[in-house]
Amino acid sequence: MRVLVIEDEKPAARRLQRMLERLDVSVDHLLHSVEEAMTYFKSNPHPDLIFLDIQLSDGLSFEIFDEVDIKSAIIFTTAYDEYALQAFKLNSVDYLLKPIDEEELESAVKKYSNLHTKPQQVQLNFEDIKKLLGSSPVEREYKKRFTTKIGQHIKMISIDEVECFYSENKGTYAHTLDGRDYLLDTTLEQLEDELEPQTFFRVSRKFYVNINAIKDIISYTNSRLQLKLNNYREQEVIVARERVRDFKLWLE
């Protein structure tokens, strides 16, 4: 089975790829924009199955189908509300609401495998979907605040107060601008679908950093980078070698 993922947020795309690999499903390519997808489809064989995000960085993914006759089954990966999802479900193999649950992903893959769907059976009525959603892109919602328990109290932490997120001793912490550290009931993996990607970047397995908190960037050993943040001092913040290229693109 040939599988393609079209997702504009690279951390989310890589997370989905890892989840599929755990299901023994190999992803042929990760694409991140309408333009990139159009170029790919015009010069490559179409895959059996596409995991498709709707709102990409340069427009709605419907634009791809205006230019290219796609002959593939589709599973939506979307943050859209339920009223729109019902329309997708009528014509697509399935949909997955972000953040993607592993059991739901496994169920969707099994559904595709069991159906052995022919391409004609999964062609979508994109004009009807466009009318339902309107012509303008829908703004994706990201986390605006987190909560943490302090004694008998619940404290709210605005996302604007967070300098970085980090993992330590199997816990996930938010380090705030005032130098405080708060234990959160989440994981860095879950944060991949919850943080605004233009503001936060996962530089390593241990750290997510806020672009506004970066004070200095220093060349480090083994082609890595060291980050100096405005307030965080507890550990070295290192950009992993395999993430350096994406990190530099993120900075632009």
Protein backbone atom coordinates (compact mmCIF):
# COMPACT_ATOMS: atom_id res chain seq x y z
CA MET A 1 0.00 0.00 0.00
CA ARG A 2 1.43 3.38 -1.05
CA VAL A 3 0.60 6.16 1.42
CA LEU A 4 1.02 9.91 1.23
CA VAL A 5 0.63 12.48 4.03
CA ILE A 6 -0.28 16.08 3.15
CA GLU A 7 0.04 18.24 6.26
CA ASP A 8 1.45 21.77 6.50
CA GLU A 9 2.71 21.45 10.08
CA LYS A 10 5.89 19.41 9.85
CA PRO A 11 5.89 18.22 13.50
CA ALA A 12 2.30 16.98 13.09
CA ALA A 13 3.21 15.28 9.80
CA ARG A 14 6.16 13.49 11.41
CA ARG A 15 4.02 12.46 14.38
CA LEU A 16 1.42 10.94 12.03
CA GLN A 17 4.19 9.16 10.13
CA ARG A 18 5.52 7.63 13.36
CA MET A 19 2.02 6.54 14.38
CA LEU A 20 1.47 4.88 10.99
CA GLU A 21 4.84 3.14 11.16
CA ARG A 22 3.78 1.60 14.48
CA LEU A 23 0.85 0.14 12.51
CA ASP A 24 3.31 -1.24 9.89
CA VAL A 25 2.14 1.34 7.36
CA SER A 26 5.02 2.96 5.50
CA VAL A 27 4.60 6.57 4.33
CA ASP A 28 6.14 7.25 0.92
CA HIS A 29 6.24 11.03 1.14
CA LEU A 30 5.35 13.95 3.41
CA LEU A 31 4.04 17.01 1.57
CA HIS A 32 3.36 20.35 3.23
CA SER A 33 1.60 22.72 0.82
CA VAL A 34 -0.87 22.96 -2.05
CA GLU A 35 1.90 23.87 -4.48
CA GLU A 36 4.13 20.99 -3.38
CA ALA A 37 1.24 18.52 -3.68
CA MET A 38 0.30 19.73 -7.19
CA THR A 39 3.89 19.35 -8.38
CA TYR A 40 4.13 15.87 -6.87
CA PHE A 41 0.87 14.56 -8.39
CA LYS A 42 1.72 15.84 -11.85
CA SER A 43 4.99 13.88 -12.00
CA ASN A 44 4.47 10.84 -9.76
CA PRO A 45 2.09 7.86 -9.61
CA HIS A 46 -0.83 8.54 -7.29
CA PRO A 47 -0.78 6.66 -3.97
CA ASP A 48 -3.39 4.22 -2.76
CA LEU A 49 -4.25 6.32 0.28
CA ILE A 50 -3.81 9.99 1.22
CA PHE A 51 -3.97 11.41 4.74
CA LEU A 52 -5.12 14.92 3.96
CA ASP A 53 -5.22 18.07 6.05
CA ILE A 54 -7.72 20.63 4.75
CA GLN A 55 -6.11 23.98 5.51
CA LEU A 56 -2.53 24.08 4.27
CA SER A 57 -0.01 26.89 4.59
CA ASP A 58 -0.74 28.30 1.12
CA GLY A 59 -4.47 27.62 0.85
CA LEU A 60 -7.20 25.01 1.08
CA SER A 61 -6.31 21.51 -0.10
CA PHE A 62 -9.39 21.57 -2.35
CA GLU A 63 -7.27 23.61 -4.76
CA ILE A 64 -5.21 20.49 -5.46
CA PHE A 65 -8.27 18.72 -6.86
CA ASP A 66 -9.13 21.70 -9.05
CA GLU A 67 -5.86 21.15 -10.92
CA VAL A 68 -5.21 17.41 -10.64
CA ASP A 69 -7.54 14.43 -11.09
CA ILE A 70 -6.68 12.48 -7.93
CA LYS A 71 -7.17 8.72 -8.10
CA SER A 72 -6.68 7.88 -4.45
CA ALA A 73 -8.66 7.07 -1.33
CA ILE A 74 -8.63 9.83 1.27
CA ILE A 75 -8.69 9.98 5.06
CA PHE A 76 -9.10 13.51 6.38
CA THR A 77 -6.99 14.69 9.28
CA THR A 78 -8.69 17.86 10.39
CA ALA A 79 -9.47 20.21 13.25
CA TYR A 80 -12.87 21.12 11.75
CA ASP A 81 -16.08 21.08 13.75
CA GLU A 82 -18.53 18.20 13.66
CA TYR A 83 -21.04 19.86 11.30
CA ALA A 84 -18.46 19.87 8.51
CA LEU A 85 -17.09 16.44 9.34
CA GLN A 86 -20.46 14.88 8.65
CA ALA A 87 -20.21 16.01 5.02
CA PHE A 88 -16.73 14.55 4.65
CA LYS A 89 -17.77 11.25 6.15
CA LEU A 90 -20.37 10.68 3.43
CA ASN A 91 -17.76 10.47 0.68
CA SER A 92 -14.33 9.82 2.19
CA VAL A 93 -12.98 6.62 3.70
CA ASP A 94 -12.89 8.24 7.13
CA TYR A 95 -11.82 11.34 9.04
CA LEU A 96 -9.62 11.84 12.06
CA LEU A 97 -10.13 14.76 14.38
CA LYS A 98 -6.92 16.35 15.68
CA PRO A 99 -5.13 15.63 17.90
CA ILE A 100 -5.17 12.19 16.31
CA ASP A 101 -5.88 9.26 18.60
CA GLU A 102 -3.87 6.10 17.92
CA GLU A 103 -6.86 3.77 18.25
CA GLU A 104 -8.92 5.89 15.85
CA LEU A 105 -6.02 5.93 13.38
CA GLU A 106 -5.76 2.14 13.55
CA SER A 107 -9.51 1.84 13.00
CA ALA A 108 -9.35 4.13 9.94
CA VAL A 109 -6.48 2.15 8.40
CA LYS A 110 -8.36 -1.12 8.99
CA LYS A 111 -11.48 0.40 7.45
CA TYR A 112 -9.55 1.29 4.31
CA SER A 113 -7.97 -2.17 4.13
CA ASN A 114 -11.34 -3.90 4.56
CA LEU A 115 -13.09 -1.80 1.96
CA HIS A 116 -10.50 -2.31 -0.81
CA THR A 117 -12.09 0.82 -2.18
CA LYS A 118 -11.93 1.58 -5.88
CA PRO A 119 -10.92 5.13 -6.77
CA GLN A 120 -14.32 5.95 -8.24
CA GLN A 121 -16.00 5.15 -4.93
CA VAL A 122 -14.04 7.72 -2.94
CA GLN A 123 -14.17 10.73 -5.23
CA LEU A 124 -15.25 13.69 -3.15
CA ASN A 125 -17.80 16.32 -4.03
CA PHE A 126 -15.44 19.19 -3.37
CA GLU A 127 -17.80 21.88 -4.66
CA ASP A 128 -20.42 20.91 -2.07
CA ILE A 129 -17.81 20.88 0.69
CA LYS A 130 -16.57 24.32 -0.37
CA LYS A 131 -20.11 25.68 -0.21
CA LEU A 132 -20.57 24.22 3.25
CA LEU A 133 -17.36 25.74 4.59
CA GLY A 134 -17.32 28.95 2.62
CA SER A 135 -14.54 30.12 0.35
CA SER A 136 -12.29 31.65 3.01
CA PRO A 137 -9.90 29.50 5.06
CA VAL A 138 -10.94 28.52 8.57
CA GLU A 139 -8.57 29.63 11.31
CA ARG A 140 -7.16 26.71 13.21
CA GLU A 141 -7.51 26.91 16.97
CA TYR A 142 -4.45 26.35 19.15
CA LYS A 143 -4.09 26.22 22.92
CA LYS A 144 -4.44 29.61 24.53
CA ARG A 145 -3.82 28.52 28.11
CA PHE A 146 -2.86 25.58 30.31
CA THR A 147 -3.88 24.69 33.85
CA THR A 148 -1.82 23.24 36.67
CA LYS A 149 -2.66 22.28 40.23
CA ILE A 150 -0.78 24.05 43.03
CA GLY A 151 -1.85 22.68 46.39
CA GLN A 152 -5.61 23.12 46.54
CA HIS A 153 -5.59 25.74 43.78
CA ILE A 154 -5.83 25.58 39.99
CA LYS A 155 -3.56 28.06 38.21
CA MET A 156 -4.13 29.17 34.62
CA ILE A 157 -1.05 29.81 32.49
CA SER A 158 -1.44 31.87 29.33
CA ILE A 159 0.46 30.55 26.33
CA ASP A 160 1.99 34.02 25.96
CA GLU A 161 3.68 33.56 29.36
CA VAL A 162 5.50 30.36 28.33
CA GLU A 163 9.15 30.62 27.32
CA CYS A 164 9.60 26.89 26.73
CA PHE A 165 8.15 23.46 27.45
CA TYR A 166 10.48 20.67 28.54
CA SER A 167 10.38 17.09 29.78
CA GLU A 168 12.17 15.89 32.91
CA ASN A 169 11.81 12.73 35.02
CA LYS A 170 8.79 11.62 32.93
CA GLY A 171 7.02 14.94 33.54
CA THR A 172 6.27 17.84 31.18
CA TYR A 173 6.88 21.37 32.43
CA ALA A 174 6.14 24.90 31.27
CA HIS A 175 8.82 27.49 32.06
CA THR A 176 7.30 30.96 32.23
CA LEU A 177 8.69 34.44 31.69
CA ASP A 178 8.87 35.05 35.44
CA GLY A 179 11.24 32.10 35.88
CA ARG A 180 8.69 29.65 37.32
CA ASP A 181 8.31 25.99 36.32
CA TYR A 182 4.89 24.32 36.29
CA LEU A 183 4.13 20.61 35.92
CA LEU A 184 1.47 19.99 33.24
CA ASP A 185 -0.85 17.05 32.64
CA THR A 186 0.31 16.49 29.05
CA THR A 187 3.27 15.24 26.99
CA LEU A 188 5.48 16.90 24.40
CA GLU A 189 3.95 14.59 21.80
CA GLN A 190 0.46 15.86 22.59
CA LEU A 191 1.70 19.44 22.37
CA GLU A 192 2.63 18.91 18.71
CA ASP A 193 -1.00 19.38 17.67
CA GLU A 194 -1.77 22.07 20.27
CA LEU A 195 0.93 24.73 19.84
CA GLU A 196 0.92 27.44 17.18
CA PRO A 197 3.74 26.30 14.84
CA GLN A 198 4.94 29.81 13.94
CA THR A 199 5.59 30.54 17.62
CA PHE A 200 6.74 27.19 19.07
CA PHE A 201 9.23 24.68 17.64
CA ARG A 202 10.29 21.31 19.00
CA VAL A 203 14.07 21.55 18.91
CA SER A 204 14.72 18.12 20.45
CA ARG A 205 13.02 15.24 22.25
CA LYS A 206 13.15 17.31 25.45
CA PHE A 207 12.33 20.90 24.43
CA TYR A 208 9.75 23.09 22.73
CA VAL A 209 10.86 26.73 22.53
CA ASN A 210 9.03 30.01 21.99
CA ILE A 211 10.64 32.00 19.15
CA ASN A 212 10.19 35.18 21.17
CA ALA A 213 12.27 33.74 24.02
CA ILE A 214 15.41 33.04 21.95
CA LYS A 215 18.19 35.45 22.95
CA ASP A 216 21.12 33.86 21.12
CA ILE A 217 21.91 30.95 18.77
CA ILE A 218 25.38 29.39 18.96
CA SER A 219 27.08 26.75 16.79
CA TYR A 220 27.51 23.55 18.80
CA THR A 221 29.24 20.19 18.40
CA ASN A 222 28.14 17.61 15.79
CA SER A 223 26.43 20.23 13.57
CA ARG A 224 23.96 21.11 16.30
CA LEU A 225 22.89 24.49 17.66
CA GLN A 226 22.74 25.76 21.22
CA LEU A 227 19.99 28.20 22.19
CA LYS A 228 20.21 30.82 24.90
CA LEU A 229 16.76 31.78 26.17
CA ASN A 230 15.85 34.96 27.98
CA ASN A 231 15.26 33.32 31.37
CA TYR A 232 15.59 29.52 31.25
CA ARG A 233 18.91 28.37 32.72
CA GLU A 234 18.32 24.91 34.21
CA GLN A 235 19.56 22.79 31.25
CA GLU A 236 21.32 23.34 27.93
CA VAL A 237 18.80 23.83 25.13
CA ILE A 238 20.24 22.06 22.08
CA VAL A 239 18.72 21.85 18.60
CA ALA A 240 19.08 18.19 17.56
CA ARG A 241 21.14 17.68 14.41
CA GLU A 242 18.22 16.19 12.45
CA ARG A 243 16.08 19.23 13.32
CA VAL A 244 18.59 21.98 12.50
CA ARG A 245 17.47 22.43 8.88
CA ASP A 246 13.78 22.73 9.79
CA PHE A 247 14.70 25.01 12.68
CA LYS A 248 16.53 27.42 10.38
CA LEU A 249 13.58 27.45 7.97
CA TRP A 250 11.25 28.11 10.93
CA LEU A 251 13.28 31.16 11.88
CA GLU A 252 12.84 32.79 8.45
